[in-house]
N, C-alpha and C. Protein backbone atom coordinates (compact mmCIF):
# COMPACT_ATOMS: atom_id res chain seq x y z
N UNK A 1 5.39 4.56 -20.18
CA UNK A 1 4.74 3.63 -19.26
C UNK A 1 4.19 4.37 -18.05
N UNK A 2 2.99 4.02 -17.63
CA UNK A 2 2.42 4.60 -16.43
C UNK A 2 3.20 4.14 -15.20
N UNK A 3 3.38 5.03 -14.24
CA UNK A 3 3.99 4.67 -12.97
C UNK A 3 2.88 4.33 -11.97
N UNK A 4 3.15 3.38 -11.10
CA UNK A 4 2.18 2.93 -10.11
C UNK A 4 2.68 3.25 -8.71
N UNK A 5 1.88 4.01 -7.96
CA UNK A 5 2.18 4.34 -6.57
C UNK A 5 1.17 3.66 -5.66
N UNK A 6 1.66 3.06 -4.60
CA UNK A 6 0.80 2.54 -3.55
C UNK A 6 0.94 3.42 -2.32
N UNK A 7 -0.15 4.01 -1.85
CA UNK A 7 -0.12 4.89 -0.68
C UNK A 7 -0.94 4.23 0.43
N UNK A 8 -0.27 3.93 1.56
CA UNK A 8 -0.86 3.06 2.58
C UNK A 8 -0.86 3.74 3.95
N UNK A 9 -2.01 3.79 4.58
CA UNK A 9 -2.11 4.15 5.99
C UNK A 9 -1.83 2.88 6.78
N UNK A 10 -0.81 2.92 7.64
CA UNK A 10 -0.29 1.71 8.25
C UNK A 10 -0.09 1.89 9.75
N UNK A 11 -0.47 0.88 10.54
CA UNK A 11 -0.14 0.89 11.96
C UNK A 11 1.29 0.40 12.14
N UNK A 12 1.85 0.59 13.32
CA UNK A 12 3.22 0.13 13.58
C UNK A 12 3.37 -1.38 13.39
N UNK A 13 2.30 -2.13 13.64
CA UNK A 13 2.39 -3.58 13.47
C UNK A 13 1.84 -4.04 12.12
N UNK A 14 1.71 -3.11 11.17
CA UNK A 14 1.46 -3.49 9.79
C UNK A 14 0.03 -3.62 9.34
N UNK A 15 -0.94 -3.18 10.15
CA UNK A 15 -2.36 -3.27 9.77
C UNK A 15 -2.75 -2.01 9.01
N UNK A 16 -3.53 -2.18 7.91
CA UNK A 16 -3.96 -1.03 7.13
C UNK A 16 -5.49 -0.94 7.00
N UNK A 17 -6.21 -1.77 7.72
CA UNK A 17 -7.65 -1.87 7.56
C UNK A 17 -8.39 -0.68 8.16
N UNK A 18 -9.37 -0.15 7.40
CA UNK A 18 -10.34 0.83 7.88
C UNK A 18 -9.73 2.02 8.61
N UNK A 19 -8.86 2.79 7.97
CA UNK A 19 -8.28 3.94 8.66
C UNK A 19 -9.23 5.13 8.78
N UNK A 20 -10.29 5.15 7.95
CA UNK A 20 -11.07 6.37 7.85
C UNK A 20 -12.27 6.51 8.77
N UNK A 21 -12.85 5.41 9.24
CA UNK A 21 -14.03 5.52 10.07
C UNK A 21 -14.48 4.18 10.61
N UNK A 22 -15.32 4.17 11.64
CA UNK A 22 -15.70 2.93 12.32
C UNK A 22 -16.54 1.98 11.47
N UNK A 23 -17.22 2.49 10.44
CA UNK A 23 -18.06 1.63 9.61
C UNK A 23 -17.44 1.33 8.25
N UNK A 24 -16.20 1.73 8.06
CA UNK A 24 -15.56 1.59 6.77
C UNK A 24 -15.37 0.12 6.37
N UNK A 25 -14.77 -0.67 7.24
CA UNK A 25 -14.53 -2.09 6.93
C UNK A 25 -14.36 -2.87 8.23
N UNK A 26 -15.49 -3.30 8.84
CA UNK A 26 -15.40 -4.07 10.08
C UNK A 26 -15.25 -5.57 9.85
N UNK A 27 -14.95 -5.99 8.59
CA UNK A 27 -14.87 -7.42 8.30
C UNK A 27 -13.80 -8.09 9.14
N UNK A 28 -14.07 -9.36 9.46
CA UNK A 28 -13.15 -10.11 10.32
C UNK A 28 -13.21 -9.69 11.77
N UNK A 29 -14.26 -8.94 12.13
CA UNK A 29 -14.39 -8.47 13.50
C UNK A 29 -13.51 -7.30 13.85
N UNK A 30 -12.97 -6.60 12.84
CA UNK A 30 -12.09 -5.46 13.11
C UNK A 30 -12.89 -4.37 13.82
N UNK A 31 -12.36 -3.87 14.94
CA UNK A 31 -13.14 -2.95 15.78
C UNK A 31 -12.47 -1.60 16.02
N UNK A 32 -11.43 -1.28 15.23
CA UNK A 32 -10.73 -0.01 15.45
C UNK A 32 -10.85 0.93 14.25
N UNK A 33 -11.93 0.82 13.48
CA UNK A 33 -12.11 1.68 12.31
C UNK A 33 -12.00 3.15 12.67
N UNK A 34 -11.26 3.90 11.87
CA UNK A 34 -11.05 5.32 12.13
C UNK A 34 -9.82 5.60 12.98
N UNK A 35 -8.89 4.66 13.02
CA UNK A 35 -7.74 4.76 13.93
C UNK A 35 -6.74 5.84 13.53
N UNK A 36 -6.81 6.38 12.31
CA UNK A 36 -5.88 7.45 11.93
C UNK A 36 -6.34 8.82 12.40
N UNK A 37 -7.65 8.98 12.61
CA UNK A 37 -8.20 10.31 12.87
C UNK A 37 -7.56 11.04 14.06
N UNK A 38 -7.36 10.39 15.20
CA UNK A 38 -6.78 11.12 16.34
C UNK A 38 -5.36 11.62 16.12
N UNK A 39 -4.66 11.06 15.12
CA UNK A 39 -3.26 11.43 14.89
C UNK A 39 -3.09 12.41 13.72
N UNK A 40 -4.19 12.73 13.03
CA UNK A 40 -4.10 13.61 11.87
C UNK A 40 -4.07 15.06 12.32
N UNK A 41 -3.08 15.81 11.86
CA UNK A 41 -3.06 17.24 12.18
C UNK A 41 -2.77 18.04 10.91
N UNK A 42 -2.89 19.33 11.02
CA UNK A 42 -2.86 20.20 9.84
C UNK A 42 -1.52 20.17 9.12
N UNK A 43 -0.44 19.93 9.85
CA UNK A 43 0.87 19.95 9.18
C UNK A 43 1.09 18.74 8.27
N UNK A 44 0.16 17.76 8.30
CA UNK A 44 0.24 16.63 7.40
C UNK A 44 -0.40 16.90 6.05
N UNK A 45 -1.13 18.02 5.95
CA UNK A 45 -1.85 18.31 4.70
C UNK A 45 -0.91 18.48 3.52
N UNK A 46 0.20 19.19 3.71
CA UNK A 46 1.12 19.44 2.60
C UNK A 46 1.79 18.15 2.11
N UNK A 47 2.39 17.31 2.97
CA UNK A 47 3.01 16.08 2.45
C UNK A 47 2.00 15.11 1.88
N UNK A 48 0.82 15.03 2.49
CA UNK A 48 -0.21 14.15 1.93
C UNK A 48 -0.73 14.71 0.62
N UNK A 49 -0.75 16.05 0.51
CA UNK A 49 -1.19 16.68 -0.72
C UNK A 49 -0.33 16.33 -1.91
N UNK A 50 0.96 16.04 -1.67
CA UNK A 50 1.83 15.62 -2.78
C UNK A 50 1.30 14.36 -3.44
N UNK A 51 0.62 13.55 -2.67
CA UNK A 51 0.09 12.29 -3.18
C UNK A 51 -1.31 12.49 -3.75
N UNK A 52 -2.20 13.00 -2.94
CA UNK A 52 -3.62 13.02 -3.29
C UNK A 52 -3.95 14.12 -4.30
N UNK A 53 -3.13 15.17 -4.37
CA UNK A 53 -3.40 16.27 -5.31
C UNK A 53 -2.70 16.08 -6.66
N UNK A 54 -1.92 15.05 -6.81
CA UNK A 54 -1.22 14.79 -8.08
C UNK A 54 -2.24 14.35 -9.14
N UNK A 55 -1.76 14.21 -10.36
CA UNK A 55 -2.61 13.70 -11.44
C UNK A 55 -2.43 12.19 -11.54
N UNK A 56 -3.52 11.44 -11.47
CA UNK A 56 -3.47 9.99 -11.49
C UNK A 56 -4.85 9.44 -11.80
N UNK A 57 -4.91 8.17 -12.10
CA UNK A 57 -6.13 7.38 -12.08
C UNK A 57 -6.03 6.41 -10.92
N UNK A 58 -7.16 5.99 -10.40
CA UNK A 58 -7.18 5.09 -9.26
C UNK A 58 -7.13 3.63 -9.70
N UNK A 59 -6.39 2.83 -8.96
CA UNK A 59 -6.37 1.37 -9.11
C UNK A 59 -6.89 0.80 -7.80
N UNK A 60 -8.00 0.06 -7.86
CA UNK A 60 -8.69 -0.36 -6.65
C UNK A 60 -9.07 -1.83 -6.69
N UNK A 61 -9.09 -2.45 -5.50
CA UNK A 61 -9.74 -3.73 -5.33
C UNK A 61 -11.24 -3.50 -5.21
N UNK A 62 -12.02 -4.57 -5.35
CA UNK A 62 -13.48 -4.42 -5.39
C UNK A 62 -14.05 -3.91 -4.08
N UNK A 63 -13.54 -4.36 -2.95
CA UNK A 63 -14.10 -3.91 -1.67
C UNK A 63 -13.85 -2.42 -1.45
N UNK A 64 -12.64 -1.96 -1.76
CA UNK A 64 -12.36 -0.53 -1.62
C UNK A 64 -13.19 0.27 -2.62
N UNK A 65 -13.35 -0.26 -3.83
CA UNK A 65 -14.21 0.41 -4.80
C UNK A 65 -15.62 0.59 -4.25
N UNK A 66 -16.18 -0.45 -3.65
CA UNK A 66 -17.53 -0.36 -3.09
C UNK A 66 -17.61 0.69 -1.98
N UNK A 67 -16.57 0.75 -1.14
CA UNK A 67 -16.53 1.75 -0.07
C UNK A 67 -16.50 3.15 -0.67
N UNK A 68 -15.62 3.36 -1.64
CA UNK A 68 -15.48 4.69 -2.26
C UNK A 68 -16.74 5.08 -3.02
N UNK A 69 -17.33 4.11 -3.76
CA UNK A 69 -18.51 4.41 -4.59
C UNK A 69 -19.73 4.77 -3.75
N UNK A 70 -19.76 4.31 -2.51
CA UNK A 70 -20.87 4.63 -1.62
C UNK A 70 -20.64 5.93 -0.84
N UNK A 71 -19.44 6.51 -0.99
CA UNK A 71 -19.11 7.71 -0.21
C UNK A 71 -18.79 8.92 -1.09
N UNK A 72 -17.80 8.81 -1.96
CA UNK A 72 -17.28 9.99 -2.65
C UNK A 72 -18.25 10.64 -3.62
N UNK A 73 -19.08 9.91 -4.36
CA UNK A 73 -20.03 10.60 -5.24
C UNK A 73 -21.02 11.48 -4.48
N UNK A 74 -21.16 11.25 -3.20
CA UNK A 74 -22.09 12.02 -2.38
C UNK A 74 -21.38 13.09 -1.56
N UNK A 75 -20.10 13.29 -1.86
CA UNK A 75 -19.30 14.31 -1.18
C UNK A 75 -18.54 15.14 -2.21
N UNK A 76 -19.28 15.68 -3.18
CA UNK A 76 -18.67 16.44 -4.25
C UNK A 76 -18.19 17.82 -3.81
N UNK A 77 -18.59 18.26 -2.63
CA UNK A 77 -18.09 19.54 -2.13
C UNK A 77 -16.65 19.42 -1.62
N UNK A 78 -16.17 18.18 -1.47
CA UNK A 78 -14.80 17.91 -1.08
C UNK A 78 -13.95 17.80 -2.35
N UNK A 79 -12.81 18.51 -2.43
CA UNK A 79 -11.99 18.43 -3.65
C UNK A 79 -11.59 17.01 -4.01
N UNK A 80 -11.38 16.16 -3.01
CA UNK A 80 -11.04 14.77 -3.31
C UNK A 80 -12.22 14.07 -3.97
N UNK A 81 -13.41 14.32 -3.48
CA UNK A 81 -14.60 13.73 -4.08
C UNK A 81 -14.79 14.16 -5.51
N UNK A 82 -14.57 15.44 -5.78
CA UNK A 82 -14.71 15.96 -7.14
C UNK A 82 -13.68 15.30 -8.06
N UNK A 83 -12.48 15.14 -7.57
CA UNK A 83 -11.42 14.52 -8.38
C UNK A 83 -11.72 13.06 -8.64
N UNK A 84 -12.08 12.31 -7.60
CA UNK A 84 -12.37 10.89 -7.75
C UNK A 84 -13.54 10.67 -8.72
N UNK A 85 -14.47 11.59 -8.76
CA UNK A 85 -15.59 11.49 -9.69
C UNK A 85 -15.11 11.62 -11.13
N UNK A 86 -14.15 12.48 -11.35
CA UNK A 86 -13.70 12.82 -12.70
C UNK A 86 -12.75 11.79 -13.30
N UNK A 87 -11.84 11.25 -12.48
CA UNK A 87 -10.78 10.40 -13.01
C UNK A 87 -11.27 8.98 -13.25
N UNK A 88 -10.44 8.18 -13.90
CA UNK A 88 -10.76 6.77 -14.14
C UNK A 88 -10.53 5.96 -12.87
N UNK A 89 -11.41 4.99 -12.67
CA UNK A 89 -11.27 4.03 -11.58
C UNK A 89 -11.12 2.65 -12.22
N UNK A 90 -9.92 2.05 -12.09
CA UNK A 90 -9.67 0.72 -12.61
C UNK A 90 -9.84 -0.27 -11.46
N UNK A 91 -10.75 -1.23 -11.64
CA UNK A 91 -11.16 -2.09 -10.53
C UNK A 91 -10.78 -3.53 -10.83
N UNK A 92 -9.92 -4.11 -10.00
CA UNK A 92 -9.56 -5.52 -10.12
C UNK A 92 -10.63 -6.36 -9.44
N UNK A 93 -11.39 -7.13 -10.23
CA UNK A 93 -12.48 -7.91 -9.66
C UNK A 93 -12.78 -9.12 -10.51
N UNK A 94 -13.23 -10.19 -9.86
CA UNK A 94 -13.71 -11.38 -10.56
C UNK A 94 -15.24 -11.38 -10.61
N UNK A 95 -15.86 -10.38 -10.04
CA UNK A 95 -17.32 -10.29 -9.99
C UNK A 95 -17.88 -9.71 -11.29
N UNK A 96 -19.08 -10.15 -11.67
CA UNK A 96 -19.77 -9.59 -12.82
C UNK A 96 -20.70 -8.45 -12.42
N UNK A 97 -20.69 -8.09 -11.16
CA UNK A 97 -21.56 -7.01 -10.68
C UNK A 97 -21.22 -5.71 -11.41
N UNK A 98 -22.24 -4.98 -11.89
CA UNK A 98 -21.98 -3.73 -12.63
C UNK A 98 -21.21 -2.71 -11.77
N UNK A 99 -20.33 -1.98 -12.43
CA UNK A 99 -19.60 -0.90 -11.78
C UNK A 99 -20.31 0.40 -12.17
N UNK A 100 -21.17 0.89 -11.30
CA UNK A 100 -22.08 1.97 -11.67
C UNK A 100 -21.49 3.37 -11.48
N UNK A 101 -20.41 3.50 -10.74
CA UNK A 101 -19.77 4.80 -10.55
C UNK A 101 -19.15 5.21 -11.88
N UNK A 102 -19.43 6.41 -12.34
CA UNK A 102 -18.96 6.81 -13.66
C UNK A 102 -17.43 6.76 -13.76
N UNK A 103 -16.97 6.47 -14.98
CA UNK A 103 -15.54 6.36 -15.29
C UNK A 103 -14.88 5.17 -14.56
N UNK A 104 -15.68 4.12 -14.33
CA UNK A 104 -15.15 2.91 -13.71
C UNK A 104 -14.92 1.85 -14.77
N UNK A 105 -13.82 1.12 -14.64
CA UNK A 105 -13.42 0.14 -15.66
C UNK A 105 -13.00 -1.16 -14.99
N UNK A 106 -13.63 -2.24 -15.40
CA UNK A 106 -13.34 -3.55 -14.83
C UNK A 106 -12.01 -4.10 -15.38
N UNK A 107 -11.18 -4.65 -14.51
CA UNK A 107 -9.94 -5.34 -14.88
C UNK A 107 -10.05 -6.75 -14.31
N UNK A 108 -10.11 -7.75 -15.16
CA UNK A 108 -10.31 -9.12 -14.69
C UNK A 108 -9.10 -9.98 -15.03
N UNK A 109 -9.15 -11.21 -14.58
CA UNK A 109 -8.04 -12.13 -14.81
C UNK A 109 -6.98 -12.01 -13.74
N UNK A 110 -5.78 -12.48 -14.07
CA UNK A 110 -4.66 -12.44 -13.14
C UNK A 110 -4.32 -11.00 -12.79
N UNK A 111 -4.21 -10.71 -11.49
CA UNK A 111 -3.99 -9.33 -11.04
C UNK A 111 -2.70 -8.75 -11.61
N UNK A 112 -1.60 -9.46 -11.46
CA UNK A 112 -0.32 -8.93 -11.92
C UNK A 112 -0.32 -8.72 -13.43
N UNK A 113 -0.86 -9.66 -14.19
CA UNK A 113 -0.88 -9.52 -15.64
C UNK A 113 -1.76 -8.36 -16.06
N UNK A 114 -2.92 -8.21 -15.41
CA UNK A 114 -3.82 -7.12 -15.76
C UNK A 114 -3.19 -5.76 -15.48
N UNK A 115 -2.48 -5.64 -14.35
CA UNK A 115 -1.85 -4.37 -14.00
C UNK A 115 -0.65 -4.10 -14.90
N UNK A 116 0.10 -5.12 -15.25
CA UNK A 116 1.22 -4.95 -16.16
C UNK A 116 0.74 -4.40 -17.50
N UNK A 117 -0.37 -4.93 -18.00
CA UNK A 117 -0.94 -4.43 -19.26
C UNK A 117 -1.43 -3.00 -19.11
N UNK A 118 -2.06 -2.70 -17.98
CA UNK A 118 -2.58 -1.37 -17.74
C UNK A 118 -1.45 -0.34 -17.68
N UNK A 119 -0.35 -0.71 -17.06
CA UNK A 119 0.80 0.20 -16.98
C UNK A 119 1.37 0.51 -18.37
N UNK A 120 1.23 -0.41 -19.30
CA UNK A 120 1.74 -0.22 -20.64
C UNK A 120 0.82 0.64 -21.51
N UNK A 121 -0.41 0.87 -21.05
CA UNK A 121 -1.38 1.63 -21.83
C UNK A 121 -1.16 3.13 -21.65
N UNK A 122 -1.80 3.91 -22.52
CA UNK A 122 -1.72 5.37 -22.42
C UNK A 122 -2.62 5.87 -21.30
N UNK A 123 -2.19 6.94 -20.64
CA UNK A 123 -3.01 7.53 -19.60
C UNK A 123 -2.19 8.06 -18.45
N UNK A 124 -2.89 8.52 -17.45
CA UNK A 124 -2.23 9.06 -16.26
C UNK A 124 -1.57 7.95 -15.45
N UNK A 125 -0.66 8.36 -14.56
CA UNK A 125 -0.10 7.41 -13.61
C UNK A 125 -1.20 6.84 -12.74
N UNK A 126 -0.89 5.80 -11.98
CA UNK A 126 -1.88 5.06 -11.20
C UNK A 126 -1.59 5.16 -9.71
N UNK A 127 -2.65 5.25 -8.92
CA UNK A 127 -2.54 5.33 -7.47
C UNK A 127 -3.44 4.30 -6.83
N UNK A 128 -2.87 3.47 -5.97
CA UNK A 128 -3.67 2.53 -5.17
C UNK A 128 -4.07 3.22 -3.88
N UNK A 129 -5.35 3.15 -3.55
CA UNK A 129 -5.85 3.57 -2.24
C UNK A 129 -6.54 2.36 -1.62
N UNK A 130 -6.30 2.13 -0.32
CA UNK A 130 -6.88 0.95 0.30
C UNK A 130 -6.41 -0.29 -0.44
N UNK A 131 -7.39 -1.21 -0.71
CA UNK A 131 -7.15 -2.34 -1.62
C UNK A 131 -5.99 -3.22 -1.18
N UNK A 132 -6.06 -3.73 0.04
CA UNK A 132 -4.96 -4.53 0.60
C UNK A 132 -4.63 -5.74 -0.24
N UNK A 133 -5.63 -6.34 -0.91
CA UNK A 133 -5.40 -7.58 -1.65
C UNK A 133 -4.53 -7.37 -2.89
N UNK A 134 -4.38 -6.13 -3.35
CA UNK A 134 -3.57 -5.88 -4.54
C UNK A 134 -2.08 -5.92 -4.27
N UNK A 135 -1.69 -5.59 -3.06
CA UNK A 135 -0.26 -5.40 -2.79
C UNK A 135 0.54 -6.69 -2.87
N UNK A 136 0.00 -7.77 -2.37
CA UNK A 136 0.76 -9.02 -2.33
C UNK A 136 1.16 -9.47 -3.73
N UNK A 137 0.22 -9.57 -4.70
CA UNK A 137 0.66 -9.97 -6.05
C UNK A 137 1.48 -8.90 -6.77
N UNK A 138 1.19 -7.63 -6.53
CA UNK A 138 1.90 -6.57 -7.25
C UNK A 138 3.32 -6.38 -6.72
N UNK A 139 3.50 -6.50 -5.41
CA UNK A 139 4.85 -6.44 -4.86
C UNK A 139 5.67 -7.65 -5.30
N UNK A 140 5.03 -8.82 -5.33
CA UNK A 140 5.73 -10.03 -5.75
C UNK A 140 6.19 -9.93 -7.20
N UNK A 141 5.39 -9.22 -8.02
CA UNK A 141 5.71 -9.08 -9.44
C UNK A 141 6.58 -7.86 -9.72
N UNK A 142 6.90 -7.07 -8.69
CA UNK A 142 7.74 -5.90 -8.88
C UNK A 142 7.09 -4.81 -9.70
N UNK A 143 5.78 -4.65 -9.56
CA UNK A 143 5.04 -3.70 -10.40
C UNK A 143 4.77 -2.36 -9.72
N UNK A 144 5.11 -2.22 -8.45
CA UNK A 144 4.89 -0.96 -7.76
C UNK A 144 6.15 -0.11 -7.85
N UNK A 145 6.01 1.08 -8.43
CA UNK A 145 7.15 1.96 -8.67
C UNK A 145 7.47 2.86 -7.48
N UNK A 146 6.47 3.10 -6.65
CA UNK A 146 6.68 3.98 -5.49
C UNK A 146 5.74 3.52 -4.39
N UNK A 147 6.29 3.36 -3.19
CA UNK A 147 5.50 2.90 -2.05
C UNK A 147 5.55 3.98 -0.97
N UNK A 148 4.39 4.54 -0.67
CA UNK A 148 4.29 5.59 0.35
C UNK A 148 3.66 4.96 1.59
N UNK A 149 4.44 4.85 2.65
CA UNK A 149 3.96 4.27 3.91
C UNK A 149 3.75 5.39 4.91
N UNK A 150 2.51 5.57 5.32
CA UNK A 150 2.16 6.56 6.35
C UNK A 150 1.90 5.78 7.63
N UNK A 151 2.92 5.72 8.49
CA UNK A 151 2.89 4.84 9.65
C UNK A 151 2.48 5.62 10.89
N UNK A 152 1.41 5.15 11.52
CA UNK A 152 0.84 5.83 12.69
C UNK A 152 1.27 5.11 13.97
N UNK A 153 1.49 5.86 15.05
CA UNK A 153 2.00 5.27 16.29
C UNK A 153 0.90 4.56 17.09
N UNK A 154 0.46 3.43 16.54
CA UNK A 154 -0.59 2.65 17.19
C UNK A 154 -0.41 1.18 16.81
N UNK A 155 -0.73 0.29 17.73
CA UNK A 155 -0.70 -1.15 17.50
C UNK A 155 -2.14 -1.64 17.40
N UNK A 156 -2.48 -2.36 16.34
CA UNK A 156 -3.87 -2.76 16.11
C UNK A 156 -4.09 -4.27 16.21
N UNK A 157 -3.03 -5.06 16.23
CA UNK A 157 -3.21 -6.50 16.33
C UNK A 157 -3.68 -7.09 15.01
N UNK A 158 -4.79 -7.79 15.02
CA UNK A 158 -5.29 -8.45 13.82
C UNK A 158 -5.93 -7.45 12.88
N UNK A 159 -5.80 -7.71 11.58
CA UNK A 159 -6.39 -6.86 10.56
C UNK A 159 -5.72 -7.08 9.22
N UNK A 160 -6.21 -6.45 8.20
CA UNK A 160 -5.68 -6.62 6.84
C UNK A 160 -4.30 -5.99 6.72
N UNK A 161 -3.44 -6.64 5.93
CA UNK A 161 -2.05 -6.22 5.79
C UNK A 161 -1.64 -6.27 4.32
N UNK A 162 -0.56 -5.57 4.00
CA UNK A 162 -0.07 -5.59 2.62
C UNK A 162 1.15 -6.49 2.45
N UNK A 163 1.74 -6.94 3.53
CA UNK A 163 2.90 -7.82 3.46
C UNK A 163 2.54 -9.17 4.07
N UNK A 164 2.91 -10.27 3.37
CA UNK A 164 2.64 -11.60 3.93
C UNK A 164 3.83 -12.53 3.82
N UNK A 165 4.99 -11.98 3.44
CA UNK A 165 6.19 -12.79 3.33
C UNK A 165 6.46 -13.34 1.95
N UNK A 166 5.55 -13.11 0.98
CA UNK A 166 5.77 -13.59 -0.38
C UNK A 166 6.32 -12.50 -1.29
N UNK A 167 6.63 -11.34 -0.72
CA UNK A 167 7.12 -10.24 -1.54
C UNK A 167 8.43 -10.61 -2.24
N UNK A 168 8.63 -10.07 -3.42
CA UNK A 168 9.89 -10.26 -4.12
C UNK A 168 10.99 -9.53 -3.37
N UNK A 169 12.06 -10.21 -2.95
CA UNK A 169 13.14 -9.51 -2.23
C UNK A 169 13.75 -8.40 -3.07
N UNK A 170 14.07 -7.30 -2.43
CA UNK A 170 14.69 -6.19 -3.13
C UNK A 170 14.96 -5.05 -2.18
N UNK A 171 15.90 -4.20 -2.54
CA UNK A 171 16.22 -3.02 -1.74
C UNK A 171 15.31 -1.87 -2.14
N UNK A 172 15.16 -0.92 -1.23
CA UNK A 172 14.39 0.30 -1.49
C UNK A 172 15.25 1.49 -1.11
N UNK A 173 15.00 2.61 -1.78
CA UNK A 173 15.67 3.85 -1.39
C UNK A 173 14.62 4.86 -0.93
N UNK A 174 14.98 5.65 0.07
CA UNK A 174 14.08 6.66 0.61
C UNK A 174 14.11 7.87 -0.31
N UNK A 175 12.94 8.20 -0.90
CA UNK A 175 12.85 9.32 -1.83
C UNK A 175 12.30 10.58 -1.18
N UNK A 176 11.54 10.43 -0.09
CA UNK A 176 10.96 11.58 0.59
C UNK A 176 10.50 11.12 1.97
N UNK A 177 10.43 12.06 2.92
CA UNK A 177 9.95 11.69 4.25
C UNK A 177 9.44 12.91 5.00
N UNK A 178 8.60 12.65 5.99
CA UNK A 178 8.04 13.70 6.84
C UNK A 178 7.61 13.05 8.14
N UNK A 179 7.82 13.74 9.26
CA UNK A 179 7.37 13.27 10.57
C UNK A 179 6.48 14.34 11.17
N UNK A 180 5.25 13.97 11.52
CA UNK A 180 4.31 14.93 12.06
C UNK A 180 4.52 15.12 13.56
N UNK A 181 3.91 16.15 14.10
CA UNK A 181 3.99 16.41 15.54
C UNK A 181 3.29 15.33 16.35
N UNK A 182 2.38 14.58 15.72
CA UNK A 182 1.68 13.51 16.42
C UNK A 182 2.39 12.17 16.30
N UNK A 183 3.54 12.15 15.60
CA UNK A 183 4.32 10.93 15.51
C UNK A 183 4.06 10.09 14.28
N UNK A 184 3.34 10.63 13.30
CA UNK A 184 3.11 9.90 12.05
C UNK A 184 4.35 10.06 11.15
N UNK A 185 4.85 8.95 10.66
CA UNK A 185 6.01 8.96 9.77
C UNK A 185 5.53 8.67 8.35
N UNK A 186 5.72 9.63 7.47
CA UNK A 186 5.35 9.46 6.06
C UNK A 186 6.64 9.27 5.26
N UNK A 187 6.84 8.10 4.72
CA UNK A 187 8.07 7.78 4.02
C UNK A 187 7.76 7.24 2.63
N UNK A 188 8.43 7.79 1.63
CA UNK A 188 8.24 7.38 0.25
C UNK A 188 9.46 6.59 -0.20
N UNK A 189 9.23 5.38 -0.68
CA UNK A 189 10.30 4.48 -1.09
C UNK A 189 10.18 4.15 -2.57
N UNK A 190 11.33 3.95 -3.21
CA UNK A 190 11.38 3.52 -4.60
C UNK A 190 12.31 2.32 -4.70
N UNK A 191 12.08 1.42 -5.66
CA UNK A 191 12.94 0.24 -5.81
C UNK A 191 14.39 0.62 -6.05
N UNK A 192 15.30 -0.17 -5.49
CA UNK A 192 16.74 0.12 -5.61
C UNK A 192 17.55 -1.14 -5.85
N UNK A 193 17.01 -2.06 -6.65
CA UNK A 193 17.80 -3.23 -7.04
C UNK A 193 17.74 -4.38 -6.04
N UNK A 194 18.77 -5.20 -6.09
CA UNK A 194 18.84 -6.39 -5.25
C UNK A 194 19.12 -6.03 -3.79
N UNK A 195 18.83 -6.98 -2.90
CA UNK A 195 19.10 -6.78 -1.48
C UNK A 195 20.61 -6.83 -1.24
N UNK A 196 21.21 -5.75 -0.75
CA UNK A 196 22.65 -5.79 -0.45
C UNK A 196 22.88 -6.46 0.89
N UNK A 197 23.98 -7.14 1.04
CA UNK A 197 24.33 -7.75 2.33
C UNK A 197 25.78 -7.44 2.65
N UNK A 198 26.15 -7.65 3.90
CA UNK A 198 27.51 -7.40 4.35
C UNK A 198 27.71 -8.06 5.71
N UNK A 199 28.77 -7.71 6.39
CA UNK A 199 29.04 -8.30 7.71
C UNK A 199 29.77 -7.31 8.60
N UNK A 200 29.50 -7.41 9.90
CA UNK A 200 30.20 -6.60 10.89
C UNK A 200 31.37 -7.38 11.52
N UNK A 201 31.62 -8.59 11.02
CA UNK A 201 32.71 -9.40 11.56
C UNK A 201 34.05 -8.72 11.29
N UNK A 202 34.91 -8.73 12.30
CA UNK A 202 36.26 -8.14 12.16
C UNK A 202 37.37 -9.17 12.34
N UNK A 203 36.98 -10.40 12.73
CA UNK A 203 37.96 -11.45 12.95
C UNK A 203 37.45 -12.74 12.30
N UNK A 204 38.34 -13.68 12.02
CA UNK A 204 37.90 -14.99 11.53
C UNK A 204 36.98 -15.64 12.56
N UNK A 205 36.02 -16.46 12.16
CA UNK A 205 35.10 -17.08 13.10
C UNK A 205 35.81 -18.02 14.08
N UNK A 206 35.34 -18.02 15.32
CA UNK A 206 35.90 -18.90 16.35
C UNK A 206 35.45 -20.34 16.11
N UNK A 207 36.08 -21.28 16.84
CA UNK A 207 35.65 -22.68 16.73
C UNK A 207 34.21 -22.83 17.19
N UNK A 208 33.83 -22.08 18.23
CA UNK A 208 32.45 -22.15 18.72
C UNK A 208 31.48 -21.66 17.65
N UNK A 209 31.87 -20.60 16.94
CA UNK A 209 31.00 -20.08 15.88
C UNK A 209 30.88 -21.08 14.73
N UNK A 210 32.00 -21.70 14.35
CA UNK A 210 31.95 -22.69 13.28
C UNK A 210 31.08 -23.88 13.66
N UNK A 211 31.18 -24.28 14.93
CA UNK A 211 30.36 -25.40 15.42
C UNK A 211 28.88 -25.02 15.38
N UNK A 212 28.57 -23.77 15.78
CA UNK A 212 27.18 -23.30 15.76
C UNK A 212 26.63 -23.35 14.33
N UNK A 213 27.41 -22.85 13.37
CA UNK A 213 26.96 -22.84 11.98
C UNK A 213 26.69 -24.26 11.48
N UNK A 214 27.58 -25.17 11.83
CA UNK A 214 27.43 -26.55 11.41
C UNK A 214 26.18 -27.17 12.00
N UNK A 215 25.94 -26.90 13.29
CA UNK A 215 24.77 -27.45 13.96
C UNK A 215 23.48 -26.91 13.36
N UNK A 216 23.46 -25.61 13.12
CA UNK A 216 22.24 -25.00 12.55
C UNK A 216 22.01 -25.49 11.13
N UNK A 217 23.07 -25.73 10.36
CA UNK A 217 22.93 -26.23 9.00
C UNK A 217 22.30 -27.64 9.01
N UNK A 218 22.71 -28.45 10.01
CA UNK A 218 22.13 -29.80 10.14
C UNK A 218 20.66 -29.71 10.51
N UNK A 219 20.30 -28.74 11.35
CA UNK A 219 18.89 -28.57 11.76
C UNK A 219 18.02 -28.11 10.61
N UNK A 220 18.63 -27.34 9.71
CA UNK A 220 17.86 -26.86 8.55
C UNK A 220 17.74 -27.88 7.46
N UNK A 221 18.62 -28.90 7.46
CA UNK A 221 18.64 -29.89 6.38
C UNK A 221 17.40 -30.78 6.43
């Protein structure tokens, strides 16, 4: 089975929109395009290289596909551009618009079902870049095998996000991490079963605590 990795450039408040440049994705009035650039330094090349230099095919939403198709084929002198040109691009879309970038393949229908079928097929592992709309259904369906969060020390306010509260509850384990000199935290997580819980209580609950629980239970009813 193919493994699916989601690699996300993320602000501290959870926004992932337009990390690469001011004209990348200004939809919704987003005005901070290119917000990762000031924090990128050379020591991030090696940990990021573990992701971008691996062998994979791309899994993309239509908007990210359009952004990539208008940029990377015209930047073949960049190793990433050369790689993206060569590998398969699987595009989740309901549009009938032709996918003209070579090695592009349309995936239609229910997102989770389409990706589940794709993971069962033969081929390289899969990497999501951008494509915020894919995360909500794929996380809910438990289809992401590895989540790489590259969190930058900036607050962006409104913008596209990968979490909306509908995610399937579950624990994660930290598989790898790196902290840059500019404060970027790169953390790789893998699924680790059900959410564990516990308590720091050392004594039986007081009467005041029992009363509080009862009152809150009535408010929730």
